[in-house]
Amino acid sequence: MAEQASLDEASWSLTQQGAMEQYHLLLRAALERDLNTFVELALAATPICEAAGAEPGGTAFGEWCGLCPLRQQYGGCRPIITQMVRAAEQGNWEAAQLLVLSLIAEVAGVSPPTARAER
């Protein structure tokens, strides 16, 4: 049983790291003020979305959001992503950058699903 828990934690760590990498690319797009890339990355499924049931390469939002650990712990990414896309579209890149950083902070703080189940 302990091996299964550590395997789940290892898988979670890779999933979390993949999402962080995607959000760092999103931050780079915001720093470069590249609206098309920013919106594309903001609305794309992350590895966390895929772990919750999203189609790989699909969109960030869907029925799987109810299974997302980010939603369960922080309310989900949709409100932050909506705000940051709106900020970028309005040319408020500083706000968009800060919102991306907020999202990165939330992803960094999400507990592995196995840790939540044990609480």
C-alpha atoms as a PDB file:
ATOM      1  CA  MET A   1       0.000   0.000   0.000  1.00  0.00           C
ATOM      2  CA  ALA A   2       2.845   2.421   0.788  1.00  0.00           C
ATOM      3  CA  GLU A   3       4.333   1.773  -2.679  1.00  0.00           C
ATOM      4  CA  GLN A   4       1.061   2.727  -4.342  1.00  0.00           C
ATOM      5  CA  ALA A   5       0.877   5.960  -2.312  1.00  0.00           C
ATOM      6  CA  SER A   6       4.444   6.920  -3.248  1.00  0.00           C
ATOM      7  CA  LEU A   7       3.753   6.101  -6.919  1.00  0.00           C
ATOM      8  CA  ASP A   8       0.687   8.333  -6.780  1.00  0.00           C
ATOM      9  CA  GLU A   9       2.771  11.080  -5.183  1.00  0.00           C
ATOM     10  CA  ALA A  10       5.430  10.706  -7.882  1.00  0.00           C
ATOM     11  CA  SER A  11       2.782  10.884 -10.600  1.00  0.00           C
ATOM     12  CA  TRP A  12       1.222  13.886  -8.905  1.00  0.00           C
ATOM     13  CA  SER A  13       4.587  15.618  -8.684  1.00  0.00           C
ATOM     14  CA  LEU A  14       5.087  15.229 -12.454  1.00  0.00           C
ATOM     15  CA  THR A  15       1.552  16.466 -13.118  1.00  0.00           C
ATOM     16  CA  GLN A  16       2.029  19.471 -10.860  1.00  0.00           C
ATOM     17  CA  GLN A  17       5.422  20.257 -12.410  1.00  0.00           C
ATOM     18  CA  GLY A  18       3.946  20.073 -15.919  1.00  0.00           C
ATOM     19  CA  ALA A  19       1.227  22.557 -14.972  1.00  0.00           C
ATOM     20  CA  MET A  20       3.822  24.867 -13.430  1.00  0.00           C
ATOM     21  CA  GLU A  21       5.876  24.732 -16.633  1.00  0.00           C
ATOM     22  CA  GLN A  22       2.812  25.597 -18.700  1.00  0.00           C
ATOM     23  CA  TYR A  23       2.021  28.544 -16.424  1.00  0.00           C
ATOM     24  CA  HIS A  24       5.622  29.749 -16.648  1.00  0.00           C
ATOM     25  CA  LEU A  25       5.198  29.799 -20.447  1.00  0.00           C
ATOM     26  CA  LEU A  26       2.004  31.766 -19.853  1.00  0.00           C
ATOM     27  CA  LEU A  27       3.944  34.250 -17.720  1.00  0.00           C
ATOM     28  CA  ARG A  28       6.554  34.595 -20.468  1.00  0.00           C
ATOM     29  CA  ALA A  29       3.790  35.361 -22.990  1.00  0.00           C
ATOM     30  CA  ALA A  30       2.465  38.027 -20.609  1.00  0.00           C
ATOM     31  CA  LEU A  31       5.925  39.528 -20.173  1.00  0.00           C
ATOM     32  CA  GLU A  32       6.317  39.613 -23.962  1.00  0.00           C
ATOM     33  CA  ARG A  33       2.788  41.012 -24.355  1.00  0.00           C
ATOM     34  CA  ASP A  34       1.927  38.274 -26.843  1.00  0.00           C
ATOM     35  CA  LEU A  35      -1.873  38.254 -26.636  1.00  0.00           C
ATOM     36  CA  ASN A  36      -2.479  35.338 -29.018  1.00  0.00           C
ATOM     37  CA  THR A  37      -0.057  33.011 -27.246  1.00  0.00           C
ATOM     38  CA  PHE A  38      -1.251  34.216 -23.853  1.00  0.00           C
ATOM     39  CA  VAL A  39      -4.909  33.446 -24.559  1.00  0.00           C
ATOM     40  CA  GLU A  40      -4.059  30.121 -26.206  1.00  0.00           C
ATOM     41  CA  LEU A  41      -1.996  28.978 -23.210  1.00  0.00           C
ATOM     42  CA  ALA A  42      -4.500  30.327 -20.681  1.00  0.00           C
ATOM     43  CA  LEU A  43      -7.354  28.314 -22.183  1.00  0.00           C
ATOM     44  CA  ALA A  44      -5.386  25.112 -22.835  1.00  0.00           C
ATOM     45  CA  ALA A  45      -5.709  22.063 -20.621  1.00  0.00           C
ATOM     46  CA  THR A  46      -2.807  21.646 -18.224  1.00  0.00           C
ATOM     47  CA  PRO A  47      -1.512  18.292 -16.975  1.00  0.00           C
ATOM     48  CA  ILE A  48      -3.707  18.851 -13.882  1.00  0.00           C
ATOM     49  CA  CYS A  49      -6.766  19.226 -16.138  1.00  0.00           C
ATOM     50  CA  GLU A  50      -5.776  16.055 -17.978  1.00  0.00           C
ATOM     51  CA  ALA A  51      -5.341  14.166 -14.700  1.00  0.00           C
ATOM     52  CA  ALA A  52      -8.902  15.230 -13.796  1.00  0.00           C
ATOM     53  CA  GLY A  53     -10.249  13.960 -17.140  1.00  0.00           C
ATOM     54  CA  ALA A  54      -9.645  16.632 -19.794  1.00  0.00           C
ATOM     55  CA  GLU A  55      -8.653  15.529 -23.259  1.00  0.00           C
ATOM     56  CA  PRO A  56      -4.891  15.938 -23.786  1.00  0.00           C
ATOM     57  CA  GLY A  57      -4.368  19.027 -25.897  1.00  0.00           C
ATOM     58  CA  GLY A  58      -7.942  20.139 -25.189  1.00  0.00           C
ATOM     59  CA  THR A  59      -9.382  23.042 -23.273  1.00  0.00           C
ATOM     60  CA  ALA A  60      -8.926  23.905 -19.624  1.00  0.00           C
ATOM     61  CA  PHE A  61     -12.600  23.954 -18.672  1.00  0.00           C
ATOM     62  CA  GLY A  62     -15.211  21.219 -18.740  1.00  0.00           C
ATOM     63  CA  GLU A  63     -17.022  18.598 -16.724  1.00  0.00           C
ATOM     64  CA  TRP A  64     -13.700  17.426 -15.267  1.00  0.00           C
ATOM     65  CA  CYS A  65     -13.322  20.692 -13.330  1.00  0.00           C
ATOM     66  CA  GLY A  66     -15.368  19.165 -10.507  1.00  0.00           C
ATOM     67  CA  LEU A  67     -12.624  16.570 -10.002  1.00  0.00           C
ATOM     68  CA  CYS A  68      -9.761  19.059 -10.080  1.00  0.00           C
ATOM     69  CA  PRO A  69      -7.703  19.261  -6.866  1.00  0.00           C
ATOM     70  CA  LEU A  70      -7.101  22.968  -7.564  1.00  0.00           C
ATOM     71  CA  ARG A  71     -10.851  23.554  -7.510  1.00  0.00           C
ATOM     72  CA  GLN A  72     -11.312  21.502  -4.382  1.00  0.00           C
ATOM     73  CA  GLN A  73      -8.611  23.413  -2.489  1.00  0.00           C
ATOM     74  CA  TYR A  74      -8.752  26.927  -3.960  1.00  0.00           C
ATOM     75  CA  GLY A  75     -11.977  27.223  -5.940  1.00  0.00           C
ATOM     76  CA  GLY A  76     -10.394  26.413  -9.276  1.00  0.00           C
ATOM     77  CA  CYS A  77      -8.517  28.267 -11.951  1.00  0.00           C
ATOM     78  CA  ARG A  78     -11.467  29.543 -13.994  1.00  0.00           C
ATOM     79  CA  PRO A  79     -11.957  32.835 -12.075  1.00  0.00           C
ATOM     80  CA  ILE A  80      -8.245  33.655 -12.222  1.00  0.00           C
ATOM     81  CA  ILE A  81      -7.908  32.699 -15.879  1.00  0.00           C
ATOM     82  CA  THR A  82     -10.996  34.727 -16.800  1.00  0.00           C
ATOM     83  CA  GLN A  83      -9.564  37.785 -15.039  1.00  0.00           C
ATOM     84  CA  MET A  84      -6.088  37.446 -16.508  1.00  0.00           C
ATOM     85  CA  VAL A  85      -7.369  37.007 -20.067  1.00  0.00           C
ATOM     86  CA  ARG A  86      -9.607  40.042 -19.626  1.00  0.00           C
ATOM     87  CA  ALA A  87      -6.674  42.052 -18.251  1.00  0.00           C
ATOM     88  CA  ALA A  88      -4.453  41.051 -21.174  1.00  0.00           C
ATOM     89  CA  GLU A  89      -7.150  41.847 -23.727  1.00  0.00           C
ATOM     90  CA  GLN A  90      -7.471  45.295 -22.160  1.00  0.00           C
ATOM     91  CA  GLY A  91      -3.705  45.804 -22.311  1.00  0.00           C
ATOM     92  CA  ASN A  92      -3.237  45.628 -18.545  1.00  0.00           C
ATOM     93  CA  TRP A  93      -0.247  43.308 -18.757  1.00  0.00           C
ATOM     94  CA  GLU A  94       0.936  43.991 -15.215  1.00  0.00           C
ATOM     95  CA  ALA A  95      -2.362  42.702 -13.826  1.00  0.00           C
ATOM     96  CA  ALA A  96      -2.216  39.703 -16.167  1.00  0.00           C
ATOM     97  CA  GLN A  97       1.301  38.911 -14.950  1.00  0.00           C
ATOM     98  CA  LEU A  98       0.287  39.145 -11.295  1.00  0.00           C
ATOM     99  CA  LEU A  99      -2.689  36.884 -11.898  1.00  0.00           C
ATOM    100  CA  VAL A 100      -0.450  34.294 -13.570  1.00  0.00           C
ATOM    101  CA  LEU A 101       1.823  34.449 -10.524  1.00  0.00           C
ATOM    102  CA  SER A 102      -1.215  33.894  -8.285  1.00  0.00           C
ATOM    103  CA  LEU A 103      -2.152  30.840 -10.315  1.00  0.00           C
ATOM    104  CA  ILE A 104       1.406  29.499 -10.093  1.00  0.00           C
ATOM    105  CA  ALA A 105       1.309  29.976  -6.310  1.00  0.00           C
ATOM    106  CA  GLU A 106      -1.948  28.041  -6.045  1.00  0.00           C
ATOM    107  CA  VAL A 107      -0.648  25.178  -8.183  1.00  0.00           C
ATOM    108  CA  ALA A 108       2.512  25.041  -6.052  1.00  0.00           C
ATOM    109  CA  GLY A 109       0.359  24.712  -2.929  1.00  0.00           C
ATOM    110  CA  VAL A 110      -2.025  21.998  -4.114  1.00  0.00           C
ATOM    111  CA  SER A 111      -1.692  18.808  -2.094  1.00  0.00           C
ATOM    112  CA  PRO A 112      -1.485  15.473  -3.872  1.00  0.00           C
ATOM    113  CA  PRO A 113      -4.916  13.852  -4.226  1.00  0.00           C
ATOM    114  CA  THR A 114      -3.768  10.942  -2.032  1.00  0.00           C
ATOM    115  CA  ALA A 115      -2.835  13.346   0.778  1.00  0.00           C
ATOM    116  CA  ARG A 116      -6.321  14.876   0.716  1.00  0.00           C
ATOM    117  CA  ALA A 117      -7.999  11.477   0.823  1.00  0.00           C
ATOM    118  CA  GLU A 118      -6.040  10.554   3.968  1.00  0.00           C
ATOM    119  CA  ARG A 119      -7.106  13.669   5.920  1.00  0.00           C
END
